[in-house]
PDB file of N, CA and C in Angstrom:
ATOM      1  N   MET A   1     -14.994  14.313  -1.668  1.00  0.00           N
ATOM      2  CA  MET A   1     -14.623  15.684  -2.122  1.00  0.00           C
ATOM      3  C   MET A   1     -13.111  15.807  -1.923  1.00  0.00           C
ATOM      4  N   ILE A   2     -12.294  16.402  -2.924  1.00  0.00           N
ATOM      5  CA  ILE A   2     -10.994  16.393  -2.845  1.00  0.00           C
ATOM      6  C   ILE A   2     -10.690  17.937  -2.428  1.00  0.00           C
ATOM      7  N   TYR A   3      -9.929  17.959  -1.335  1.00  0.00           N
ATOM      8  CA  TYR A   3      -9.603  19.198  -0.708  1.00  0.00           C
ATOM      9  C   TYR A   3      -8.342  19.833  -1.608  1.00  0.00           C
ATOM     10  N   ARG A   4      -8.569  21.131  -1.734  1.00  0.00           N
ATOM     11  CA  ARG A   4      -7.451  21.920  -2.496  1.00  0.00           C
ATOM     12  C   ARG A   4      -6.882  22.556  -1.657  1.00  0.00           C
ATOM     13  N   GLY A   5      -5.576  22.757  -1.681  1.00  0.00           N
ATOM     14  CA  GLY A   5      -4.797  23.639  -0.972  1.00  0.00           C
ATOM     15  C   GLY A   5      -3.862  22.744  -0.005  1.00  0.00           C
ATOM     16  N   ASN A   6      -3.125  23.453   0.865  1.00  0.00           N
ATOM     17  CA  ASN A   6      -2.019  22.796   1.680  1.00  0.00           C
ATOM     18  C   ASN A   6      -2.571  23.033   3.116  1.00  0.00           C
ATOM     19  N   LEU A   7      -3.091  21.752   3.673  1.00  0.00           N
ATOM     20  CA  LEU A   7      -3.479  21.872   5.348  1.00  0.00           C
ATOM     21  C   LEU A   7      -2.321  22.045   6.260  1.00  0.00           C
ATOM     22  N   TYR A   8      -0.996  21.460   5.627  1.00  0.00           N
ATOM     23  CA  TYR A   8       0.112  21.230   6.321  1.00  0.00           C
ATOM     24  C   TYR A   8       1.108  22.252   6.608  1.00  0.00           C
ATOM     25  N   LYS A   9       0.717  23.717   5.689  1.00  0.00           N
ATOM     26  CA  LYS A   9       1.801  24.832   5.974  1.00  0.00           C
ATOM     27  C   LYS A   9       2.006  25.501   7.072  1.00  0.00           C
ATOM     28  N   ARG A  10       2.836  26.033   7.464  1.00  0.00           N
ATOM     29  CA  ARG A  10       3.232  26.682   8.680  1.00  0.00           C
ATOM     30  C   ARG A  10       3.682  28.038   8.203  1.00  0.00           C
ATOM     31  N   ASN A  11       3.181  29.171   9.002  1.00  0.00           N
ATOM     32  CA  ASN A  11       3.857  30.401   8.660  1.00  0.00           C
ATOM     33  C   ASN A  11       5.216  30.573   9.373  1.00  0.00           C
ATOM     34  N   THR A  12       6.119  31.130   8.317  1.00  0.00           N
ATOM     35  CA  THR A  12       7.388  31.628   8.762  1.00  0.00           C
ATOM     36  C   THR A  12       7.921  32.702   8.258  1.00  0.00           C
ATOM     37  N   ASP A  13       8.842  33.443   8.760  1.00  0.00           N
ATOM     38  CA  ASP A  13       9.052  34.874   8.453  1.00  0.00           C
ATOM     39  C   ASP A  13       9.930  34.689   7.103  1.00  0.00           C
ATOM     40  N   SER A  14      10.165  35.703   6.425  1.00  0.00           N
ATOM     41  CA  SER A  14      10.559  35.485   4.906  1.00  0.00           C
ATOM     42  C   SER A  14      12.130  34.996   4.998  1.00  0.00           C
ATOM     43  N   ALA A  15      13.047  35.356   5.878  1.00  0.00           N
ATOM     44  CA  ALA A  15      14.463  34.882   5.881  1.00  0.00           C
ATOM     45  C   ALA A  15      14.510  33.319   5.989  1.00  0.00           C
ATOM     46  N   THR A  16      13.697  33.027   7.255  1.00  0.00           N
ATOM     47  CA  THR A  16      13.668  31.462   7.461  1.00  0.00           C
ATOM     48  C   THR A  16      12.899  30.797   6.075  1.00  0.00           C
ATOM     49  N   ARG A  17      12.042  31.517   5.376  1.00  0.00           N
ATOM     50  CA  ARG A  17      11.385  30.625   4.397  1.00  0.00           C
ATOM     51  C   ARG A  17      12.413  30.562   3.090  1.00  0.00           C
ATOM     52  N   ALA A  18      13.140  31.764   2.889  1.00  0.00           N
ATOM     53  CA  ALA A  18      14.178  31.538   1.859  1.00  0.00           C
ATOM     54  C   ALA A  18      15.177  30.875   1.877  1.00  0.00           C
ATOM     55  N   GLN A  19      15.580  30.563   3.434  1.00  0.00           N
ATOM     56  CA  GLN A  19      16.651  29.544   3.606  1.00  0.00           C
ATOM     57  C   GLN A  19      16.076  28.147   3.463  1.00  0.00           C
ATOM     58  N   LEU A  20      14.641  27.998   3.906  1.00  0.00           N
ATOM     59  CA  LEU A  20      14.136  26.399   3.852  1.00  0.00           C
ATOM     60  C   LEU A  20      13.953  26.306   2.112  1.00  0.00           C
ATOM     61  N   VAL A  21      13.607  27.239   1.467  1.00  0.00           N
ATOM     62  CA  VAL A  21      13.385  27.015  -0.076  1.00  0.00           C
ATOM     63  C   VAL A  21      14.750  26.506  -0.565  1.00  0.00           C
ATOM     64  N   ARG A  22      15.883  27.163  -0.096  1.00  0.00           N
ATOM     65  CA  ARG A  22      17.206  26.781  -0.882  1.00  0.00           C
ATOM     66  C   ARG A  22      17.537  25.207  -0.232  1.00  0.00           C
ATOM     67  N   LYS A  23      17.215  25.023   0.833  1.00  0.00           N
ATOM     68  CA  LYS A  23      17.670  23.832   1.401  1.00  0.00           C
ATOM     69  C   LYS A  23      16.645  22.730   0.766  1.00  0.00           C
ATOM     70  N   GLY A  24      15.542  23.051   0.410  1.00  0.00           N
ATOM     71  CA  GLY A  24      14.488  22.048  -0.213  1.00  0.00           C
ATOM     72  C   GLY A  24      14.982  21.821  -1.673  1.00  0.00           C
ATOM     73  N   ASN A  25      15.394  22.897  -2.194  1.00  0.00           N
ATOM     74  CA  ASN A  25      16.027  22.849  -3.778  1.00  0.00           C
ATOM     75  C   ASN A  25      17.182  21.896  -3.859  1.00  0.00           C
ATOM     76  N   GLU A  26      18.119  22.137  -2.615  1.00  0.00           N
ATOM     77  CA  GLU A  26      19.415  21.225  -2.620  1.00  0.00           C
ATOM     78  C   GLU A  26      18.853  19.971  -2.497  1.00  0.00           C
ATOM     79  N   PHE A  27      17.852  19.577  -1.495  1.00  0.00           N
ATOM     80  CA  PHE A  27      17.570  18.167  -1.401  1.00  0.00           C
ATOM     81  C   PHE A  27      16.808  17.585  -2.814  1.00  0.00           C
ATOM     82  N   PHE A  28      16.136  18.626  -3.277  1.00  0.00           N
ATOM     83  CA  PHE A  28      15.353  17.941  -4.565  1.00  0.00           C
ATOM     84  C   PHE A  28      16.464  17.750  -5.710  1.00  0.00           C
ATOM     85  N   ASN A  29      17.545  18.709  -5.726  1.00  0.00           N
ATOM     86  CA  ASN A  29      18.484  18.383  -6.871  1.00  0.00           C
ATOM     87  C   ASN A  29      19.180  17.380  -6.650  1.00  0.00           C
ATOM     88  N   ALA A  30      19.603  16.891  -5.201  1.00  0.00           N
ATOM     89  CA  ALA A  30      20.411  15.827  -4.877  1.00  0.00           C
ATOM     90  C   ALA A  30      19.454  14.246  -4.889  1.00  0.00           C
ATOM     91  N   GLY A  31      18.093  14.413  -5.411  1.00  0.00           N
ATOM     92  CA  GLY A  31      17.312  13.469  -5.408  1.00  0.00           C
ATOM     93  C   GLY A  31      16.835  12.969  -4.264  1.00  0.00           C
ATOM     94  N   LYS A  32      16.905  13.655  -3.183  1.00  0.00           N
ATOM     95  CA  LYS A  32      16.303  13.410  -1.811  1.00  0.00           C
ATOM     96  C   LYS A  32      14.914  13.936  -1.628  1.00  0.00           C
ATOM     97  N   TYR A  33      13.975  13.267  -2.545  1.00  0.00           N
ATOM     98  CA  TYR A  33      12.576  14.006  -2.704  1.00  0.00           C
ATOM     99  C   TYR A  33      11.781  14.100  -1.522  1.00  0.00           C
ATOM    100  N   HIS A  34      12.102  12.841  -0.439  1.00  0.00           N
ATOM    101  CA  HIS A  34      10.943  12.826   0.827  1.00  0.00           C
ATOM    102  C   HIS A  34      11.649  14.052   1.449  1.00  0.00           C
ATOM    103  N   SER A  35      12.991  14.426   1.382  1.00  0.00           N
ATOM    104  CA  SER A  35      13.187  15.549   2.407  1.00  0.00           C
ATOM    105  C   SER A  35      12.847  16.892   1.816  1.00  0.00           C
ATOM    106  N   ALA A  36      12.940  17.187   0.559  1.00  0.00           N
ATOM    107  CA  ALA A  36      12.392  17.850  -0.142  1.00  0.00           C
ATOM    108  C   ALA A  36      10.612  18.261   0.079  1.00  0.00           C
ATOM    109  N   GLU A  37      10.152  17.103  -0.055  1.00  0.00           N
ATOM    110  CA  GLU A  37       8.750  17.416  -0.017  1.00  0.00           C
ATOM    111  C   GLU A  37       8.436  17.730   1.398  1.00  0.00           C
ATOM    112  N   LYS A  38       9.119  17.394   2.628  1.00  0.00           N
ATOM    113  CA  LYS A  38       8.575  17.928   3.866  1.00  0.00           C
ATOM    114  C   LYS A  38       8.975  19.293   4.007  1.00  0.00           C
ATOM    115  N   ILE A  39      10.018  19.622   3.212  1.00  0.00           N
ATOM    116  CA  ILE A  39      10.154  21.111   3.385  1.00  0.00           C
ATOM    117  C   ILE A  39       9.181  21.758   2.580  1.00  0.00           C
ATOM    118  N   PHE A  40       9.142  21.572   1.420  1.00  0.00           N
ATOM    119  CA  PHE A  40       8.046  22.336   0.261  1.00  0.00           C
ATOM    120  C   PHE A  40       6.638  22.371   0.944  1.00  0.00           C
ATOM    121  N   VAL A  41       6.202  21.086   1.694  1.00  0.00           N
ATOM    122  CA  VAL A  41       4.816  21.259   2.137  1.00  0.00           C
ATOM    123  C   VAL A  41       4.807  22.288   3.352  1.00  0.00           C
ATOM    124  N   THR A  42       5.685  21.935   4.143  1.00  0.00           N
ATOM    125  CA  THR A  42       5.754  22.964   5.213  1.00  0.00           C
ATOM    126  C   THR A  42       5.696  24.360   5.052  1.00  0.00           C
ATOM    127  N   ILE A  43       6.389  24.669   4.241  1.00  0.00           N
ATOM    128  CA  ILE A  43       6.484  26.190   3.683  1.00  0.00           C
ATOM    129  C   ILE A  43       5.562  26.598   2.787  1.00  0.00           C
ATOM    130  N   ASP A  44       4.734  25.500   1.960  1.00  0.00           N
ATOM    131  CA  ASP A  44       3.803  25.862   1.079  1.00  0.00           C
ATOM    132  C   ASP A  44       4.464  26.330  -0.269  1.00  0.00           C
ATOM    133  N   TYR A  45       5.678  25.951  -0.644  1.00  0.00           N
ATOM    134  CA  TYR A  45       6.119  26.334  -1.609  1.00  0.00           C
ATOM    135  C   TYR A  45       5.800  25.985  -2.997  1.00  0.00           C
ATOM    136  N   LYS A  46       4.864  26.620  -3.701  1.00  0.00           N
ATOM    137  CA  LYS A  46       3.984  26.018  -4.812  1.00  0.00           C
ATOM    138  C   LYS A  46       4.767  25.706  -5.861  1.00  0.00           C
ATOM    139  N   ASP A  47       5.903  26.405  -6.484  1.00  0.00           N
ATOM    140  CA  ASP A  47       6.898  25.823  -7.267  1.00  0.00           C
ATOM    141  C   ASP A  47       7.516  24.337  -7.286  1.00  0.00           C
ATOM    142  N   GLY A  48       7.930  24.289  -5.739  1.00  0.00           N
ATOM    143  CA  GLY A  48       8.426  23.021  -5.556  1.00  0.00           C
ATOM    144  C   GLY A  48       7.616  22.036  -5.542  1.00  0.00           C
ATOM    145  N   LEU A  49       6.238  22.417  -4.971  1.00  0.00           N
ATOM    146  CA  LEU A  49       5.227  21.053  -4.875  1.00  0.00           C
ATOM    147  C   LEU A  49       4.857  20.745  -6.438  1.00  0.00           C
ATOM    148  N   VAL A  50       4.725  21.744  -7.296  1.00  0.00           N
ATOM    149  CA  VAL A  50       4.609  21.281  -8.811  1.00  0.00           C
ATOM    150  C   VAL A  50       5.730  20.477  -9.304  1.00  0.00           C
ATOM    151  N   ARG A  51       6.939  20.800  -8.937  1.00  0.00           N
ATOM    152  CA  ARG A  51       8.192  20.063  -9.322  1.00  0.00           C
ATOM    153  C   ARG A  51       8.113  18.527  -8.841  1.00  0.00           C
ATOM    154  N   LEU A  52       7.738  18.486  -7.618  1.00  0.00           N
ATOM    155  CA  LEU A  52       7.720  17.421  -6.849  1.00  0.00           C
ATOM    156  C   LEU A  52       6.415  16.458  -7.542  1.00  0.00           C
ATOM    157  N   GLY A  53       5.372  17.061  -7.914  1.00  0.00           N
ATOM    158  CA  GLY A  53       4.229  16.546  -8.710  1.00  0.00           C
ATOM    159  C   GLY A  53       4.710  15.804 -10.132  1.00  0.00           C
ATOM    160  N   ASP A  54       5.353  16.902 -10.788  1.00  0.00           N
ATOM    161  CA  ASP A  54       6.153  16.184 -12.028  1.00  0.00           C
ATOM    162  C   ASP A  54       7.067  15.199 -12.114  1.00  0.00           C
ATOM    163  N   TYR A  55       7.744  15.164 -10.851  1.00  0.00           N
ATOM    164  CA  TYR A  55       8.650  13.935 -10.577  1.00  0.00           C
ATOM    165  C   TYR A  55       7.752  12.746 -10.284  1.00  0.00           C
ATOM    166  N   PHE A  56       6.922  12.770  -9.483  1.00  0.00           N
ATOM    167  CA  PHE A  56       5.913  11.777  -9.128  1.00  0.00           C
ATOM    168  C   PHE A  56       5.230  11.151 -10.353  1.00  0.00           C
ATOM    169  N   PHE A  57       4.850  11.976 -11.283  1.00  0.00           N
ATOM    170  CA  PHE A  57       3.969  11.782 -12.437  1.00  0.00           C
ATOM    171  C   PHE A  57       4.994  10.921 -13.324  1.00  0.00           C
ATOM    172  N   LYS A  58       6.153  11.284 -13.562  1.00  0.00           N
ATOM    173  CA  LYS A  58       7.096  10.547 -14.375  1.00  0.00           C
ATOM    174  C   LYS A  58       7.510   9.139 -13.746  1.00  0.00           C
ATOM    175  N   GLN A  59       7.436   9.223 -12.457  1.00  0.00           N
ATOM    176  CA  GLN A  59       7.714   7.810 -11.686  1.00  0.00           C
ATOM    177  C   GLN A  59       6.486   6.896 -11.829  1.00  0.00           C
ATOM    178  N   LYS A  60       5.438   7.438 -12.371  1.00  0.00           N
ATOM    179  CA  LYS A  60       4.198   6.888 -12.362  1.00  0.00           C
ATOM    180  C   LYS A  60       3.469   6.703 -11.080  1.00  0.00           C
ATOM    181  N   ASP A  61       3.871   7.430 -10.128  1.00  0.00           N
ATOM    182  CA  ASP A  61       3.238   7.672  -8.760  1.00  0.00           C
ATOM    183  C   ASP A  61       2.159   8.665  -8.852  1.00  0.00           C
ATOM    184  N   LEU A  62       0.986   8.167  -9.458  1.00  0.00           N
ATOM    185  CA  LEU A  62      -0.385   9.111  -9.705  1.00  0.00           C
ATOM    186  C   LEU A  62      -0.729   9.740  -8.555  1.00  0.00           C
ATOM    187  N   TYR A  63      -0.883   9.166  -7.492  1.00  0.00           N
ATOM    188  CA  TYR A  63      -1.271   9.391  -6.418  1.00  0.00           C
ATOM    189  C   TYR A  63      -0.945  10.826  -5.662  1.00  0.00           C
ATOM    190  N   ASN A  64       0.697  10.497  -5.452  1.00  0.00           N
ATOM    191  CA  ASN A  64       1.298  11.327  -4.978  1.00  0.00           C
ATOM    192  C   ASN A  64       1.582  12.640  -5.913  1.00  0.00           C
ATOM    193  N   ALA A  65       1.554  12.660  -7.289  1.00  0.00           N
ATOM    194  CA  ALA A  65       1.595  13.626  -8.188  1.00  0.00           C
ATOM    195  C   ALA A  65       0.300  14.466  -8.050  1.00  0.00           C
ATOM    196  N   CYS A  66      -0.817  13.496  -8.028  1.00  0.00           N
ATOM    197  CA  CYS A  66      -2.132  14.395  -7.977  1.00  0.00           C
ATOM    198  C   CYS A  66      -2.050  15.199  -6.480  1.00  0.00           C
ATOM    199  N   ARG A  67      -1.629  14.681  -5.516  1.00  0.00           N
ATOM    200  CA  ARG A  67      -1.332  15.364  -4.137  1.00  0.00           C
ATOM    201  C   ARG A  67      -0.862  16.318  -4.273  1.00  0.00           C
ATOM    202  N   MET A  68       0.396  16.468  -5.054  1.00  0.00           N
ATOM    203  CA  MET A  68       1.063  17.778  -4.988  1.00  0.00           C
ATOM    204  C   MET A  68       0.529  18.730  -5.732  1.00  0.00           C
ATOM    205  N   TYR A  69      -0.197  18.299  -6.839  1.00  0.00           N
ATOM    206  CA  TYR A  69      -0.641  19.323  -7.933  1.00  0.00           C
ATOM    207  C   TYR A  69      -1.947  20.128  -7.049  1.00  0.00           C
ATOM    208  N   PHE A  70      -2.676  19.245  -6.255  1.00  0.00           N
ATOM    209  CA  PHE A  70      -3.823  19.763  -5.599  1.00  0.00           C
ATOM    210  C   PHE A  70      -3.345  20.797  -4.284  1.00  0.00           C
ATOM    211  N   MET A  71      -1.934  20.148  -3.610  1.00  0.00           N
ATOM    212  CA  MET A  71      -1.575  21.296  -2.660  1.00  0.00           C
ATOM    213  C   MET A  71      -1.085  22.615  -3.236  1.00  0.00           C
ATOM    214  N   ALA A  72      -0.342  22.554  -4.423  1.00  0.00           N
ATOM    215  CA  ALA A  72       0.098  23.741  -5.247  1.00  0.00           C
ATOM    216  C   ALA A  72      -0.988  24.615  -5.759  1.00  0.00           C
ATOM    217  N   ASP A  73      -2.227  24.005  -5.783  1.00  0.00           N
ATOM    218  CA  ASP A  73      -3.550  24.752  -6.420  1.00  0.00           C
ATOM    219  C   ASP A  73      -3.132  25.011  -7.581  1.00  0.00           C
ATOM    220  N   ASP A  74      -2.399  24.325  -8.470  1.00  0.00           N
ATOM    221  CA  ASP A  74      -2.183  24.528 -10.039  1.00  0.00           C
ATOM    222  C   ASP A  74      -3.103  23.835 -10.962  1.00  0.00           C
ATOM    223  N   GLN A  75      -3.888  24.938 -11.316  1.00  0.00           N
ATOM    224  CA  GLN A  75      -5.252  24.405 -11.802  1.00  0.00           C
ATOM    225  C   GLN A  75      -4.739  24.029 -13.604  1.00  0.00           C
ATOM    226  N   SER A  76      -3.918  24.621 -14.024  1.00  0.00           N
ATOM    227  CA  SER A  76      -3.658  23.852 -15.263  1.00  0.00           C
ATOM    228  C   SER A  76      -2.899  22.359 -15.120  1.00  0.00           C
ATOM    229  N   LYS A  77      -2.153  21.990 -14.245  1.00  0.00           N
ATOM    230  CA  LYS A  77      -1.724  20.933 -13.798  1.00  0.00           C
ATOM    231  C   LYS A  77      -2.799  19.859 -13.473  1.00  0.00           C
ATOM    232  N   ILE A  78      -3.753  20.391 -12.620  1.00  0.00           N
ATOM    233  CA  ILE A  78      -5.127  19.597 -12.247  1.00  0.00           C
ATOM    234  C   ILE A  78      -5.739  19.382 -13.302  1.00  0.00           C
ATOM    235  N   ASP A  79      -5.959  20.034 -14.168  1.00  0.00           N
ATOM    236  CA  ASP A  79      -6.835  20.043 -15.474  1.00  0.00           C
ATOM    237  C   ASP A  79      -6.172  18.893 -16.461  1.00  0.00           C
ATOM    238  N   ALA A  80      -4.902  18.972 -16.633  1.00  0.00           N
ATOM    239  CA  ALA A  80      -4.259  18.098 -17.335  1.00  0.00           C
ATOM    240  C   ALA A  80      -4.363  16.734 -16.904  1.00  0.00           C
ATOM    241  N   PHE A  81      -3.952  16.656 -15.694  1.00  0.00           N
ATOM    242  CA  PHE A  81      -4.179  15.415 -15.025  1.00  0.00           C
ATOM    243  C   PHE A  81      -5.514  14.774 -15.160  1.00  0.00           C
ATOM    244  N   CYS A  82      -6.487  15.533 -14.879  1.00  0.00           N
ATOM    245  CA  CYS A  82      -8.044  15.111 -15.021  1.00  0.00           C
ATOM    246  C   CYS A  82      -8.329  14.455 -16.431  1.00  0.00           C
ATOM    247  N   ASP A  83      -7.890  15.511 -17.312  1.00  0.00           N
ATOM    248  CA  ASP A  83      -8.057  15.054 -18.742  1.00  0.00           C
ATOM    249  C   ASP A  83      -7.352  13.777 -19.105  1.00  0.00           C
ATOM    250  N   LYS A  84      -6.331  13.370 -18.513  1.00  0.00           N
ATOM    251  CA  LYS A  84      -5.761  11.977 -18.715  1.00  0.00           C
ATOM    252  C   LYS A  84      -6.364  10.935 -18.035  1.00  0.00           C
ATOM    253  N   ALA A  85      -6.897  11.445 -16.697  1.00  0.00           N
ATOM    254  CA  ALA A  85      -7.693  10.434 -16.073  1.00  0.00           C
ATOM    255  C   ALA A  85      -8.987   9.908 -16.799  1.00  0.00           C
ATOM    256  N   VAL A  86      -9.641  11.029 -17.380  1.00  0.00           N
ATOM    257  CA  VAL A  86     -10.661  10.904 -18.130  1.00  0.00           C
ATOM    258  C   VAL A  86     -10.587   9.868 -19.354  1.00  0.00           C
ATOM    259  N   ASN A  87      -9.395  10.289 -19.955  1.00  0.00           N
ATOM    260  CA  ASN A  87      -9.164   9.332 -21.281  1.00  0.00           C
ATOM    261  C   ASN A  87      -9.031   7.917 -21.022  1.00  0.00           C
ATOM    262  N   VAL A  88      -8.215   7.649 -19.809  1.00  0.00           N
ATOM    263  CA  VAL A  88      -7.874   6.347 -19.186  1.00  0.00           C
ATOM    264  C   VAL A  88      -9.158   5.771 -19.019  1.00  0.00           C
ATOM    265  N   ILE A  89     -10.140   6.318 -18.098  1.00  0.00           N
ATOM    266  CA  ILE A  89     -11.518   5.867 -17.821  1.00  0.00           C
ATOM    267  C   ILE A  89     -12.098   5.341 -19.191  1.00  0.00           C
ATOM    268  N   GLN A  90     -12.122   6.354 -20.220  1.00  0.00           N
ATOM    269  CA  GLN A  90     -13.108   5.948 -21.361  1.00  0.00           C
ATOM    270  C   GLN A  90     -12.547   4.856 -22.118  1.00  0.00           C
ATOM    271  N   ARG A  91     -11.092   4.900 -22.131  1.00  0.00           N
ATOM    272  CA  ARG A  91     -10.589   3.532 -22.783  1.00  0.00           C
ATOM    273  C   ARG A  91     -10.965   2.362 -22.178  1.00  0.00           C
ATOM    274  N   TRP A  92     -11.001   2.350 -20.656  1.00  0.00           N
ATOM    275  CA  TRP A  92     -11.374   1.168 -20.093  1.00  0.00           C
ATOM    276  C   TRP A  92     -12.898   0.777 -20.262  1.00  0.00           C
ATOM    277  N   LEU A  93     -13.640   1.798 -20.339  1.00  0.00           N
ATOM    278  CA  LEU A  93     -15.238   1.580 -20.715  1.00  0.00           C
ATOM    279  C   LEU A  93     -15.444   0.999 -22.048  1.00  0.00           C
ATOM    280  N   SER A  94     -14.461   1.593 -22.936  1.00  0.00           N
ATOM    281  CA  SER A  94     -14.762   0.931 -24.322  1.00  0.00           C
ATOM    282  C   SER A  94     -14.265  -0.240 -24.401  1.00  0.00           C
ATOM    283  N   GLU A  95     -13.123  -0.894 -23.778  1.00  0.00           N
ATOM    284  CA  GLU A  95     -12.656  -2.050 -23.728  1.00  0.00           C
ATOM    285  C   GLU A  95     -13.457  -3.056 -23.088  1.00  0.00           C
ATOM    286  N   ASP A  96     -14.533  -2.622 -22.012  1.00  0.00           N
ATOM    287  CA  ASP A  96     -15.278  -3.553 -21.387  1.00  0.00           C
ATOM    288  C   ASP A  96     -16.574  -3.717 -22.413  1.00  0.00           C
ATOM    289  N   GLU A  97     -16.905  -2.593 -23.289  1.00  0.00           N
ATOM    290  CA  GLU A  97     -17.913  -2.777 -24.289  1.00  0.00           C
ATOM    291  C   GLU A  97     -17.506  -3.666 -25.240  1.00  0.00           C
ATOM    292  N   SER A  98     -16.325  -3.647 -25.862  1.00  0.00           N
ATOM    293  CA  SER A  98     -15.700  -4.655 -26.538  1.00  0.00           C
ATOM    294  C   SER A  98     -15.812  -6.079 -26.217  1.00  0.00           C
ATOM    295  N   ALA A  99     -15.265  -6.214 -25.099  1.00  0.00           N
ATOM    296  CA  ALA A  99     -15.167  -7.625 -24.313  1.00  0.00           C
ATOM    297  C   ALA A  99     -16.589  -7.997 -24.278  1.00  0.00           C
ATOM    298  N   ASP A 100     -17.631  -6.986 -23.759  1.00  0.00           N
ATOM    299  CA  ASP A 100     -18.942  -7.743 -23.752  1.00  0.00           C
ATOM    300  C   ASP A 100     -19.686  -7.883 -24.999  1.00  0.00           C
ATOM    301  N   LYS A 101     -19.256  -7.309 -26.122  1.00  0.00           N
ATOM    302  CA  LYS A 101     -19.812  -7.686 -27.533  1.00  0.00           C
ATOM    303  C   LYS A 101     -19.327  -8.939 -27.726  1.00  0.00           C
ATOM    304  N   VAL A 102     -17.870  -8.990 -27.783  1.00  0.00           N
ATOM    305  CA  VAL A 102     -17.352 -10.213 -27.900  1.00  0.00           C
ATOM    306  C   VAL A 102     -17.911 -11.585 -27.382  1.00  0.00           C
ATOM    307  N   ALA A 103     -18.256 -11.264 -25.678  1.00  0.00           N
ATOM    308  CA  ALA A 103     -18.600 -12.236 -25.124  1.00  0.00           C
ATOM    309  C   ALA A 103     -20.175 -12.581 -25.449  1.00  0.00           C
ATOM    310  N   GLN A 104     -21.015 -11.650 -25.797  1.00  0.00           N
ATOM    311  CA  GLN A 104     -22.409 -11.816 -26.223  1.00  0.00           C
ATOM    312  C   GLN A 104     -22.150 -12.386 -27.596  1.00  0.00           C
ATOM    313  N   THR A 105     -21.367 -12.290 -28.559  1.00  0.00           N
ATOM    314  CA  THR A 105     -21.428 -12.974 -29.740  1.00  0.00           C
ATOM    315  C   THR A 105     -20.973 -14.290 -29.574  1.00  0.00           C
ATOM    316  N   GLU A 106     -19.822 -14.633 -28.811  1.00  0.00           N
ATOM    317  CA  GLU A 106     -19.628 -16.073 -28.201  1.00  0.00           C
ATOM    318  C   GLU A 106     -20.826 -16.854 -27.628  1.00  0.00           C
ATOM    319  N   THR A 107     -21.401 -16.138 -26.818  1.00  0.00           N
ATOM    320  CA  THR A 107     -22.659 -16.809 -26.333  1.00  0.00           C
ATOM    321  C   THR A 107     -23.782 -17.111 -27.301  1.00  0.00           C
ATOM    322  N   ALA A 108     -24.055 -16.206 -28.029  1.00  0.00           N
ATOM    323  CA  ALA A 108     -24.969 -16.394 -29.216  1.00  0.00           C
ATOM    324  C   ALA A 108     -24.555 -17.472 -30.107  1.00  0.00           C
ATOM    325  N   ASP A 109     -23.328 -17.491 -30.583  1.00  0.00           N
ATOM    326  CA  ASP A 109     -22.784 -18.313 -31.211  1.00  0.00           C
ATOM    327  C   ASP A 109     -23.003 -20.002 -30.569  1.00  0.00           C
ATOM    328  N   LYS A 110     -22.546 -20.114 -29.431  1.00  0.00           N
ATOM    329  CA  LYS A 110     -22.627 -21.318 -28.586  1.00  0.00           C
ATOM    330  C   LYS A 110     -24.187 -21.648 -28.705  1.00  0.00           C
ATOM    331  N   LEU A 111     -25.043 -20.728 -28.566  1.00  0.00           N
ATOM    332  CA  LEU A 111     -26.386 -21.171 -28.500  1.00  0.00           C
ATOM    333  C   LEU A 111     -27.043 -21.822 -29.729  1.00  0.00           C
ATOM    334  N   LEU A 112     -26.501 -21.004 -30.801  1.00  0.00           N
ATOM    335  CA  LEU A 112     -26.838 -21.470 -31.989  1.00  0.00           C
ATOM    336  C   LEU A 112     -26.362 -22.763 -32.564  1.00  0.00           C
ATOM    337  N   LEU A 113     -25.075 -23.053 -31.923  1.00  0.00           N
ATOM    338  CA  LEU A 113     -24.429 -24.429 -32.490  1.00  0.00           C
ATOM    339  C   LEU A 113     -25.186 -25.484 -31.686  1.00  0.00           C
ATOM    340  N   LYS A 114     -25.554 -25.224 -30.482  1.00  0.00           N
ATOM    341  CA  LYS A 114     -26.317 -26.170 -29.608  1.00  0.00           C
ATOM    342  C   LYS A 114     -27.784 -26.550 -30.103  1.00  0.00           C
ATOM    343  N   THR A 115     -28.431 -25.630 -30.502  1.00  0.00           N
ATOM    344  CA  THR A 115     -29.680 -25.765 -31.378  1.00  0.00           C
ATOM    345  C   THR A 115     -29.703 -26.373 -32.559  1.00  0.00           C
ATOM    346  N   ASN A 116     -28.816 -26.323 -33.300  1.00  0.00           N
ATOM    347  CA  ASN A 116     -28.564 -26.972 -34.567  1.00  0.00           C
ATOM    348  C   ASN A 116     -27.960 -28.375 -34.558  1.00  0.00           C
TER     349      ASN A 116
END
């Protein structure tokens, strides 16, 4: 079961939170994604978590992208991610079926050639 939400968030007063959001955004814009992630996760800054998820998705780091989307509890991003995962799995299954059919045909051809 996948937990939705952020287990790591800490309660902070609004002034401190605002300062941390600014600092996290500075890190994100400077390409210091690991530092930005620490801040965004700690203060549970949903917009920052979604932006990190989008960044990880573009980098093809699907695990961390999914983790950020679930922490942000962004249902539209989660749904889109799951739809893409379903498409990939369906493609894999159809490739397996095609490969099985080819293998069965090749096996049948070999059997027919041996008996003739």
